[in-house]
Amino acid sequence: MTLRVATFSQSSMMIENALRLQSAMADEQIRESSGVISDDFGGYGSTAQHVINLQVSVTRSQSYIDAATLAGSKVQVMYSAVGSMTDIITQLRSQLSAASTGSSSELTSVINSAQQMLQEMGSLLNTQYDGQYVFAGGKSKAAPVDLTNFASGTGSASTADASYYAGGSEIASVRVATDQSVSYGVTADNSAFEEIMRVLKLVANSSSLSSSDITSALDLASKALDDTSAVQAKLSKAASQIETASARQSDYKSFAETLSGDLTSVDLAAATARLSIYQAQLTASYSALAKIFSMNLASYLR
C-alpha cells in the first residue's frame, strides 16, 4: 500500500481512527463474551472503590456464615448429647422409684445400671465434633472427662464433685457479625452434668441402697433432670440465634453480590448496540480509505 504525499496527513488520520475503532470494538467484544466490564479494578474508573468494598463485604459475610454453620453443627451435636443424658437420668429415676419398694435384687439391678450409666455419661461428656471435644471449653483437643479415679470413690448426695473434669473454663462463642457474638458453649463440669455424675456415683458405689440413700438420690436426680432441661433450652436458644444471624448474613451477602454485579456486569443489550455502531463506523472508515488509496493521476486525466 503506497500513500501519496498530497493525501498522507488525511490518510494517516483515517488509519489512526480506524485502528482506534478496531481496538474499541475488540474491547467491547471481550466485554460481551466475558460478561464483565473489566478484568481488573482499573477498568471500573470511579466505581472501583465501591466494587472493592462490596467484594470485601461479600467475603466477610461468607466467613461469618461459615463460622455460624460450624458453630450451629456443634450446638446440634451438644443438644443431642444432652438429650441422651436426659434419657439416662430419667431412666435412673424410674429404677430408683421401683427399687424403693422392691426387692434386694432390684436394688442390685439399679446399682449395676448406675455403674453402666456412669460410663455412658463419661462417653457423652467426651463427645467430639470436627476433631474437637465439644464439652471441653478452651481445651478442646483433649478429652475433658476422666473417670479413672472418680468412678471408684464414695459418692455423696450433698457435696458437689467435678473432679472428673480436666477441661478448660472458657465458654465457646462464635462471631456472627461485626458487632455480634453468640455464646453457646457448655462445659462438662456444668452444674447440671455434675449433679448427674454425682447421683450416678452415689448409686453406683453403694453396697446396698438404704431408703434414705434412695430418697436423697431421687431428690438429686430430679434436680439434675430440671437443670439438664435448662441446659437444653439454652442450647436451643443459641442455635436459634446462630441460625437467625447466619440467615441475615446470607441475605446481606446476596444483596452485596447483586450490587457488585450491577457495577461489574456488562449490559448485553447496550454492548450489542455499541458493537453494531463500531462495526458500521469501521466499515465506513475502511470504505473511505479504500477510495483514497485508489485515487491516482490517471483518474483525473480521463
Protein backbone atom coordinates (compact mmCIF):
# COMPACT_ATOMS: atom_id res chain seq x y z
CA MET A 1 0.00 0.00 0.00
CA THR A 2 1.52 3.33 -1.12
CA LEU A 3 0.50 6.65 0.41
CA ARG A 4 0.53 9.76 -1.79
CA VAL A 5 2.17 12.90 -0.38
CA ALA A 6 -0.92 15.00 -1.02
CA THR A 7 -3.18 12.69 0.97
CA PHE A 8 -0.69 11.49 3.60
CA SER A 9 -2.00 13.59 6.51
CA GLN A 10 -5.64 12.73 5.82
CA SER A 11 -4.84 9.07 5.25
CA SER A 12 -2.81 8.81 8.47
CA MET A 13 -5.62 10.37 10.48
CA MET A 14 -8.19 8.00 8.96
CA ILE A 15 -5.95 4.98 9.60
CA GLU A 16 -5.46 6.09 13.21
CA ASN A 17 -9.23 6.48 13.66
CA ALA A 18 -9.85 3.09 12.08
CA LEU A 19 -7.32 1.42 14.40
CA ARG A 20 -8.87 3.16 17.38
CA LEU A 21 -12.32 1.93 16.33
CA GLN A 22 -10.95 -1.56 15.78
CA SER A 23 -9.40 -1.56 19.27
CA ALA A 24 -12.62 -0.29 20.87
CA MET A 25 -14.61 -2.93 19.02
CA ALA A 26 -12.24 -5.67 20.16
CA ASP A 27 -12.54 -4.48 23.79
CA GLU A 28 -16.33 -4.45 23.51
CA GLN A 29 -16.31 -7.97 22.08
CA ILE A 30 -14.23 -9.14 25.06
CA ARG A 31 -16.65 -7.48 27.49
CA GLU A 32 -19.63 -9.01 25.73
CA SER A 33 -18.16 -12.53 25.78
CA SER A 34 -16.87 -12.35 29.40
CA GLY A 35 -19.92 -10.61 30.82
CA VAL A 36 -17.82 -8.21 32.93
CA ILE A 37 -16.80 -4.64 32.26
CA SER A 38 -13.13 -5.18 33.09
CA ASP A 39 -10.76 -7.91 34.24
CA ASP A 40 -9.05 -5.52 36.69
CA PHE A 41 -10.20 -2.76 39.02
CA GLY A 42 -8.55 -0.08 36.91
CA GLY A 43 -11.20 -0.62 34.26
CA TYR A 44 -14.04 0.40 36.58
CA GLY A 45 -12.97 4.02 36.92
CA SER A 46 -14.69 5.94 39.72
CA THR A 47 -16.72 2.89 40.79
CA ALA A 48 -13.62 0.78 41.52
CA GLN A 49 -13.63 1.57 45.26
CA HIS A 50 -17.32 0.68 45.52
CA VAL A 51 -16.65 -2.65 43.80
CA ILE A 52 -13.75 -3.39 46.15
CA ASN A 53 -15.80 -2.53 49.24
CA LEU A 54 -18.67 -4.74 48.11
CA GLN A 55 -16.40 -7.67 47.35
CA VAL A 56 -14.75 -7.33 50.77
CA SER A 57 -18.23 -7.30 52.35
CA VAL A 58 -19.19 -10.46 50.48
CA THR A 59 -16.03 -12.24 51.66
CA ARG A 60 -16.57 -11.11 55.25
CA SER A 61 -20.20 -12.23 55.23
CA GLN A 62 -19.19 -15.64 53.90
CA SER A 63 -16.67 -16.01 56.73
CA TYR A 64 -19.43 -15.26 59.27
CA ILE A 65 -21.73 -17.74 57.55
CA ASP A 66 -19.04 -20.45 57.61
CA ALA A 67 -18.33 -19.81 61.30
CA ALA A 68 -22.04 -19.87 62.12
CA THR A 69 -22.52 -23.11 60.20
CA LEU A 70 -19.72 -24.82 62.13
CA ALA A 71 -20.96 -23.49 65.48
CA GLY A 72 -24.52 -24.49 64.63
CA SER A 73 -23.40 -28.03 63.91
CA LYS A 74 -21.55 -28.16 67.24
CA VAL A 75 -24.66 -26.96 69.05
CA GLN A 76 -26.73 -29.68 67.39
CA VAL A 77 -24.20 -32.32 68.48
CA MET A 78 -24.21 -30.93 72.03
CA TYR A 79 -28.01 -30.79 72.11
CA SER A 80 -28.23 -34.42 71.02
CA ALA A 81 -25.69 -35.49 73.66
CA VAL A 82 -27.57 -33.62 76.40
CA GLY A 83 -30.77 -35.30 75.21
CA SER A 84 -29.11 -38.67 75.79
CA MET A 85 -28.07 -37.50 79.27
CA THR A 86 -31.69 -36.62 79.97
CA ASP A 87 -32.67 -40.14 79.00
CA ILE A 88 -30.06 -41.53 81.40
CA ILE A 89 -31.22 -39.54 84.41
CA THR A 90 -34.87 -40.23 83.58
CA GLN A 91 -34.17 -43.95 83.45
CA LEU A 92 -32.27 -43.79 86.74
CA ARG A 93 -35.19 -42.05 88.44
CA SER A 94 -37.57 -44.75 87.26
CA GLN A 95 -35.31 -47.51 88.52
CA LEU A 96 -34.79 -45.77 91.87
CA SER A 97 -38.54 -45.36 92.30
CA ALA A 98 -39.05 -49.05 91.58
CA ALA A 99 -36.21 -50.04 93.90
CA SER A 100 -37.65 -48.02 96.80
CA THR A 101 -40.44 -50.56 97.20
CA GLY A 102 -38.76 -53.54 95.56
CA SER A 103 -36.62 -56.47 96.50
CA SER A 104 -32.87 -56.68 97.09
CA SER A 105 -32.43 -57.94 93.53
CA GLU A 106 -33.95 -54.71 92.23
CA LEU A 107 -31.53 -52.74 94.42
CA THR A 108 -28.63 -54.67 92.93
CA SER A 109 -30.01 -54.07 89.46
CA VAL A 110 -30.19 -50.29 89.90
CA ILE A 111 -26.63 -50.25 91.29
CA ASN A 112 -25.36 -52.16 88.26
CA SER A 113 -27.31 -49.89 85.93
CA ALA A 114 -25.83 -46.80 87.60
CA GLN A 115 -22.32 -48.17 87.03
CA GLN A 116 -23.06 -48.57 83.30
CA MET A 117 -24.77 -45.18 83.12
CA LEU A 118 -21.73 -43.53 84.68
CA GLN A 119 -19.57 -44.87 81.86
CA GLU A 120 -22.15 -43.70 79.31
CA MET A 121 -22.14 -40.21 80.83
CA GLY A 122 -18.36 -40.11 80.63
CA SER A 123 -18.55 -41.04 76.96
CA LEU A 124 -21.23 -38.43 76.25
CA LEU A 125 -19.25 -35.70 78.01
CA ASN A 126 -16.28 -36.65 75.81
CA THR A 127 -18.31 -36.19 72.62
CA GLN A 128 -16.25 -34.96 69.68
CA TYR A 129 -17.12 -32.99 66.57
CA ASP A 130 -14.75 -31.85 63.84
CA GLY A 131 -11.78 -33.12 65.85
CA GLN A 132 -12.73 -31.17 68.99
CA TYR A 133 -14.26 -32.17 72.32
CA VAL A 134 -17.40 -30.05 72.47
CA PHE A 135 -17.73 -30.03 76.28
CA ALA A 136 -14.04 -29.25 76.97
CA GLY A 137 -14.13 -25.45 76.95
CA GLY A 138 -10.87 -23.96 75.69
CA LYS A 139 -9.00 -27.28 75.97
CA SER A 140 -10.93 -28.83 73.11
CA LYS A 141 -8.07 -31.01 71.83
CA ALA A 142 -8.05 -33.29 74.89
CA ALA A 143 -10.81 -35.37 76.47
CA PRO A 144 -12.31 -33.32 79.33
CA VAL A 145 -13.57 -36.25 81.41
CA ASP A 146 -11.53 -38.96 83.09
CA LEU A 147 -13.42 -41.47 85.26
CA THR A 148 -10.37 -43.46 86.40
CA ASN A 149 -10.44 -42.13 89.97
CA PHE A 150 -13.88 -40.57 90.05
CA ALA A 151 -15.87 -43.75 89.37
CA SER A 152 -14.33 -45.71 92.24
CA GLY A 153 -14.83 -43.17 95.01
CA THR A 154 -17.63 -42.98 97.54
CA GLY A 155 -20.44 -40.69 96.46
CA SER A 156 -22.28 -38.01 98.40
CA ALA A 157 -25.65 -36.51 97.55
CA SER A 158 -24.89 -33.20 99.24
CA THR A 159 -21.29 -32.45 98.21
CA ALA A 160 -20.56 -31.30 94.65
CA ASP A 161 -17.77 -33.22 92.94
CA ALA A 162 -16.44 -32.29 89.50
CA SER A 163 -13.08 -33.99 89.97
CA TYR A 164 -13.74 -35.93 86.77
CA TYR A 165 -13.28 -32.71 84.75
CA ALA A 166 -9.94 -31.77 83.18
CA GLY A 167 -11.13 -29.30 80.54
CA GLY A 168 -10.95 -25.50 80.34
CA SER A 169 -13.16 -22.83 81.86
CA GLU A 170 -13.72 -20.85 78.65
CA ILE A 171 -17.21 -20.86 77.19
CA ALA A 172 -17.28 -21.26 73.41
CA SER A 173 -18.75 -18.44 71.35
CA VAL A 174 -18.94 -17.54 67.68
CA ARG A 175 -18.82 -14.14 65.96
CA VAL A 176 -21.75 -13.98 63.59
CA ALA A 177 -21.47 -10.30 62.64
CA THR A 178 -19.08 -7.39 63.11
CA ASP A 179 -20.85 -6.38 66.31
CA GLN A 180 -22.45 -9.66 67.44
CA SER A 181 -21.16 -12.82 69.08
CA VAL A 182 -23.26 -15.74 70.31
CA SER A 183 -22.15 -17.72 73.37
CA TYR A 184 -23.15 -21.35 73.02
CA GLY A 185 -20.59 -23.40 74.92
CA VAL A 186 -21.33 -25.74 77.82
CA THR A 187 -18.51 -27.44 79.71
CA ALA A 188 -18.63 -30.92 81.19
CA ASP A 189 -18.38 -29.52 84.73
CA ASN A 190 -21.67 -27.64 84.29
CA SER A 191 -23.75 -27.97 87.46
CA ALA A 192 -26.42 -29.99 85.66
CA PHE A 193 -23.88 -32.54 84.44
CA GLU A 194 -22.09 -32.58 87.79
CA GLU A 195 -25.38 -33.43 89.50
CA ILE A 196 -25.94 -36.36 87.14
CA MET A 197 -22.41 -37.60 87.71
CA ARG A 198 -22.81 -37.18 91.48
CA VAL A 199 -26.03 -39.15 91.75
CA LEU A 200 -24.69 -41.88 89.47
CA LYS A 201 -21.54 -42.14 91.56
CA LEU A 202 -23.61 -42.27 94.75
CA VAL A 203 -25.77 -45.11 93.47
CA ALA A 204 -23.04 -46.96 91.57
CA ASN A 205 -20.75 -47.20 94.61
CA SER A 206 -23.38 -48.15 97.18
CA SER A 207 -23.07 -51.63 98.62
CA SER A 208 -26.76 -51.55 99.50
CA LEU A 209 -29.15 -48.66 98.98
CA SER A 210 -30.97 -47.64 102.11
CA SER A 211 -34.30 -45.88 101.93
CA SER A 212 -32.62 -42.61 102.89
CA ASP A 213 -30.00 -43.11 100.15
CA ILE A 214 -32.77 -43.69 97.60
CA THR A 215 -34.64 -40.60 98.78
CA SER A 216 -31.51 -38.45 98.52
CA ALA A 217 -30.70 -39.93 95.11
CA LEU A 218 -34.22 -39.30 93.83
CA ASP A 219 -34.14 -35.67 95.00
CA LEU A 220 -30.78 -35.09 93.35
CA ALA A 221 -31.88 -36.88 90.18
CA SER A 222 -34.98 -34.68 89.94
CA LYS A 223 -32.88 -31.54 90.32
CA ALA A 224 -30.38 -32.83 87.74
CA LEU A 225 -33.22 -33.50 85.30
CA ASP A 226 -34.60 -29.96 85.69
CA ASP A 227 -31.14 -28.41 85.31
CA THR A 228 -30.30 -30.57 82.28
CA SER A 229 -33.54 -29.46 80.63
CA ALA A 230 -32.45 -25.86 81.26
CA VAL A 231 -29.14 -26.60 79.50
CA GLN A 232 -31.05 -27.96 76.50
CA ALA A 233 -33.20 -24.83 76.44
CA LYS A 234 -30.05 -22.68 76.49
CA LEU A 235 -28.56 -24.66 73.59
CA SER A 236 -31.82 -24.36 71.66
CA LYS A 237 -31.82 -20.58 72.13
CA ALA A 238 -28.18 -20.35 70.98
CA ALA A 239 -28.95 -22.46 67.91
CA SER A 240 -31.84 -20.13 67.04
CA GLN A 241 -29.66 -17.02 67.44
CA ILE A 242 -26.91 -18.52 65.28
CA GLU A 243 -29.38 -19.57 62.59
CA THR A 244 -31.02 -16.13 62.53
CA ALA A 245 -27.65 -14.36 62.30
CA SER A 246 -26.49 -16.70 59.54
CA ALA A 247 -29.68 -16.07 57.55
CA ARG A 248 -29.17 -12.32 57.97
CA GLN A 249 -25.61 -12.60 56.67
CA SER A 250 -26.81 -14.69 53.72
CA ASP A 251 -29.37 -12.02 52.82
CA TYR A 252 -26.74 -9.29 53.06
CA LYS A 253 -24.28 -11.31 51.01
CA SER A 254 -26.86 -11.77 48.24
CA PHE A 255 -27.64 -8.05 48.33
CA ALA A 256 -23.94 -7.09 48.12
CA GLU A 257 -23.35 -9.59 45.31
CA THR A 258 -26.25 -8.10 43.37
CA LEU A 259 -24.91 -4.57 43.80
CA SER A 260 -21.42 -5.68 42.84
CA GLY A 261 -22.82 -7.46 39.80
CA ASP A 262 -24.69 -4.33 38.74
CA LEU A 263 -21.39 -2.39 38.83
CA THR A 264 -19.23 -5.01 37.16
CA SER A 265 -21.56 -6.80 34.73
CA VAL A 266 -21.98 -5.80 31.12
CA ASP A 267 -25.36 -4.66 29.80
CA LEU A 268 -25.50 -7.12 26.90
CA ALA A 269 -28.16 -5.19 25.00
CA ALA A 270 -26.14 -1.97 25.21
CA ALA A 271 -22.92 -3.82 24.32
CA THR A 272 -24.55 -5.34 21.24
CA ALA A 273 -25.78 -1.91 20.17
CA ARG A 274 -22.32 -0.41 20.61
CA LEU A 275 -20.75 -3.25 18.61
CA SER A 276 -23.17 -2.56 15.76
CA ILE A 277 -22.22 1.12 15.80
CA TYR A 278 -18.49 0.33 15.89
CA GLN A 279 -18.92 -2.12 13.02
CA ALA A 280 -20.77 0.41 10.91
CA GLN A 281 -18.18 3.10 11.65
CA LEU A 282 -15.32 0.73 10.93
CA THR A 283 -16.89 -0.36 7.63
CA ALA A 284 -17.30 3.29 6.63
CA SER A 285 -13.67 4.02 7.56
CA TYR A 286 -12.37 1.11 5.51
CA SER A 287 -14.52 2.22 2.57
CA ALA A 288 -13.20 5.79 2.73
CA LEU A 289 -9.61 4.57 2.98
CA ALA A 290 -10.12 2.31 0.00
CA LYS A 291 -11.30 5.27 -2.08
CA ILE A 292 -8.32 7.41 -1.06
CA PHE A 293 -5.82 4.65 -1.83
CA SER A 294 -7.41 4.03 -5.22
CA MET A 295 -7.02 7.66 -6.34
CA ASN A 296 -4.26 8.38 -8.91
CA LEU A 297 -3.35 10.94 -11.65
CA ALA A 298 -4.92 8.89 -14.39
CA SER A 299 -8.28 9.18 -12.66
CA TYR A 300 -8.18 12.96 -13.09
CA LEU A 301 -6.96 12.87 -16.74
CA ARG A 302 -9.86 10.82 -18.01
